[in-house]
Amino acid sequence: MIEVRLIKPRSGQIIRYPATVLARDAQSVTVRAEWRLGRVDLGLFSIEPGDVMIETFYANRWYNIFRAQRPDGMTRGWYCNLARPARIDDAVIETEDLEIDLIVSADRRRAEISDLDEYAARGLALAEPDTDAALRAAIAELRDLIARGETPFTDNVL
């Protein structure tokens, strides 16, 4: 088991939950966690209580990717959280949410950016122009991975 910590500076929250490590390399870790909160409507799909989340966190990328699956294994879609590169050790994954999300339909035909207003309110574009540039590059990289059906945007599950 490993603890995931999602830091939400804008709201002052740290969301903590346990997860099972599925795969790990020098720059990333993929974990499995059960969704224990209420229903969340993301527009292109919803996450329901009991869904399984296959989550990949990267120490060298400005995002993490959550595959939302029904309990029977069918993919509902992907939730890409734009975030500072994760801090990963044997016991903890810690990542800071940068507000912007990219929501991807199960068939990968649609991808929508959300929460741009929250990002703008945080003022990072002006306060941290290098962070803003990294986020723009990360969005382009994600869109490319989605279009090509690259891991983790595949039908294969660990």
Protein backbone atom coordinates (compact mmCIF):
# COMPACT_ATOMS: atom_id res chain seq x y z
CA MET A 1 0.00 0.00 0.00
CA ILE A 2 0.95 3.58 -0.60
CA GLU A 3 -0.69 6.82 0.49
CA VAL A 4 -1.74 9.31 -2.19
CA ARG A 5 -1.83 12.98 -1.18
CA LEU A 6 -3.54 15.42 -3.53
CA ILE A 7 -2.67 18.95 -2.41
CA LYS A 8 -5.28 21.56 -3.32
CA PRO A 9 -3.70 24.93 -2.40
CA ARG A 10 -6.64 27.04 -3.57
CA SER A 11 -9.01 25.36 -1.09
CA GLY A 12 -6.38 24.55 1.52
CA GLN A 13 -7.22 20.84 1.31
CA ILE A 14 -5.04 17.76 1.27
CA ILE A 15 -6.95 14.71 0.08
CA ARG A 16 -5.42 11.48 1.38
CA TYR A 17 -6.29 7.92 0.46
CA PRO A 18 -4.68 4.47 0.30
CA ALA A 19 -3.83 2.81 -3.00
CA THR A 20 -2.23 -0.40 -4.21
CA VAL A 21 0.91 -0.09 -6.36
CA LEU A 22 0.48 -1.81 -9.73
CA ALA A 23 3.66 -0.66 -11.48
CA ARG A 24 6.64 1.54 -10.74
CA ASP A 25 9.71 2.81 -12.55
CA ALA A 26 12.26 5.55 -11.93
CA GLN A 27 9.88 8.35 -13.04
CA SER A 28 6.35 7.11 -12.36
CA VAL A 29 4.07 4.96 -10.29
CA THR A 30 0.69 3.49 -11.24
CA VAL A 31 -1.75 2.66 -8.46
CA ARG A 32 -5.24 1.27 -8.03
CA ALA A 33 -7.76 2.86 -5.68
CA GLU A 34 -11.49 2.50 -5.13
CA TRP A 35 -13.63 5.64 -5.49
CA ARG A 36 -15.24 6.06 -2.08
CA LEU A 37 -16.79 9.48 -2.48
CA GLY A 38 -20.12 10.41 -4.03
CA ARG A 39 -20.97 10.63 -7.71
CA VAL A 40 -18.93 13.21 -9.65
CA ASP A 41 -20.21 14.41 -13.03
CA LEU A 42 -17.27 15.43 -15.22
CA GLY A 43 -19.37 16.20 -18.28
CA LEU A 44 -18.05 13.51 -20.63
CA PHE A 45 -18.52 10.82 -17.98
CA SER A 46 -19.27 10.40 -14.29
CA ILE A 47 -17.34 8.70 -11.53
CA GLU A 48 -19.57 6.57 -9.31
CA PRO A 49 -19.08 5.14 -5.81
CA GLY A 50 -17.32 1.77 -6.12
CA ASP A 51 -15.57 2.66 -9.39
CA VAL A 52 -11.94 1.68 -9.70
CA MET A 53 -9.36 4.36 -10.40
CA ILE A 54 -6.11 3.38 -12.13
CA GLU A 55 -3.91 6.39 -11.42
CA THR A 56 -0.51 7.19 -12.92
CA PHE A 57 1.67 9.81 -11.27
CA TYR A 58 4.87 11.14 -12.83
CA ALA A 59 7.93 12.68 -11.19
CA ASN A 60 8.95 14.30 -14.49
CA ARG A 61 5.65 15.42 -16.05
CA TRP A 62 3.21 18.22 -15.24
CA TYR A 63 0.16 15.96 -14.98
CA ASN A 64 -1.24 12.77 -13.55
CA ILE A 65 -3.79 10.56 -15.26
CA PHE A 66 -6.71 8.72 -13.69
CA ARG A 67 -8.54 6.02 -15.66
CA ALA A 68 -12.05 5.68 -14.22
CA GLN A 69 -13.43 2.15 -14.54
CA ARG A 70 -16.72 0.61 -13.59
CA PRO A 71 -16.44 -2.26 -11.11
CA ASP A 72 -16.74 -4.68 -14.08
CA GLY A 73 -13.58 -3.18 -15.64
CA MET A 74 -15.19 -1.12 -18.43
CA THR A 75 -13.50 2.26 -18.85
CA ARG A 76 -15.72 5.28 -18.17
CA GLY A 77 -13.06 7.79 -19.27
CA TRP A 78 -9.88 9.51 -18.16
CA TYR A 79 -9.37 12.42 -15.82
CA CYS A 80 -6.07 14.21 -16.44
CA ASN A 81 -5.09 16.47 -13.59
CA LEU A 82 -2.58 19.19 -14.48
CA ALA A 83 -0.23 19.25 -11.53
CA ARG A 84 3.34 19.90 -10.50
CA PRO A 85 5.55 16.83 -10.97
CA ALA A 86 4.77 14.33 -8.23
CA ARG A 87 7.02 13.57 -5.31
CA ILE A 88 7.17 9.79 -5.08
CA ASP A 89 8.78 7.57 -2.47
CA ASP A 90 8.11 4.09 -1.12
CA ALA A 91 5.30 5.21 1.20
CA VAL A 92 3.77 8.37 -0.33
CA ILE A 93 2.81 9.99 -3.62
CA GLU A 94 2.32 13.73 -3.27
CA THR A 95 1.09 16.01 -6.02
CA GLU A 96 -0.03 19.64 -6.13
CA ASP A 97 -3.17 20.33 -8.17
CA LEU A 98 -2.81 23.28 -10.55
CA GLU A 99 -6.59 23.52 -11.13
CA ILE A 100 -6.78 22.71 -14.88
CA ASP A 101 -8.19 19.30 -15.84
CA LEU A 102 -8.49 17.51 -19.16
CA ILE A 103 -11.48 15.17 -19.27
CA VAL A 104 -11.37 12.40 -21.91
CA SER A 105 -14.26 10.23 -23.09
CA ALA A 106 -13.92 6.43 -23.00
CA ASP A 107 -13.61 6.24 -26.80
CA ARG A 108 -10.96 9.05 -26.73
CA ARG A 109 -12.90 10.99 -29.39
CA ARG A 110 -13.57 13.93 -27.08
CA ALA A 111 -11.28 15.75 -24.68
CA GLU A 112 -12.40 18.87 -22.84
CA ILE A 113 -10.43 21.24 -20.66
CA SER A 114 -12.14 22.28 -17.45
CA ASP A 115 -11.51 24.65 -14.56
CA LEU A 116 -9.67 27.32 -16.55
CA ASP A 117 -11.45 29.94 -14.42
CA GLU A 118 -10.02 28.40 -11.23
CA TYR A 119 -6.55 28.41 -12.79
CA ALA A 120 -6.91 32.05 -13.81
CA ALA A 121 -8.07 32.98 -10.31
CA ARG A 122 -4.92 31.47 -8.87
CA GLY A 123 -2.80 33.87 -10.93
CA LEU A 124 -0.08 31.40 -11.87
CA ALA A 125 0.14 32.59 -15.48
CA LEU A 126 1.52 35.92 -14.26
CA ALA A 127 3.21 34.85 -11.04
CA GLU A 128 4.92 31.76 -12.50
CA PRO A 129 5.27 32.09 -16.29
CA ASP A 130 7.52 28.99 -16.46
CA THR A 131 4.79 26.95 -14.74
CA ASP A 132 2.23 28.32 -17.19
CA ALA A 133 4.44 27.34 -20.14
CA ALA A 134 4.93 23.85 -18.67
CA LEU A 135 1.15 23.43 -18.31
CA ARG A 136 0.52 24.49 -21.90
CA ALA A 137 3.15 22.01 -23.10
CA ALA A 138 1.61 19.29 -20.88
CA ILE A 139 -1.84 19.85 -22.41
CA ALA A 140 -0.36 19.52 -25.91
CA GLU A 141 1.49 16.34 -24.85
CA LEU A 142 -1.68 14.84 -23.38
CA ARG A 143 -3.69 15.63 -26.52
CA ASP A 144 -1.00 13.90 -28.59
CA LEU A 145 -0.98 10.80 -26.34
CA ILE A 146 -4.78 10.64 -26.54
CA ALA A 147 -4.83 10.97 -30.34
CA ARG A 148 -2.25 8.18 -30.71
CA GLY A 149 -3.87 5.93 -28.08
CA GLU A 150 -0.60 5.75 -26.16
CA THR A 151 -0.38 4.37 -22.64
CA PRO A 152 -2.25 5.01 -20.41
CA PHE A 153 -4.91 5.93 -23.00
CA THR A 154 -5.32 2.34 -24.15
CA ASP A 155 -7.82 -0.41 -23.54
CA ASN A 156 -5.17 -2.43 -21.70
CA VAL A 157 -5.44 -2.46 -17.94
CA LEU A 158 -2.68 -3.58 -15.60
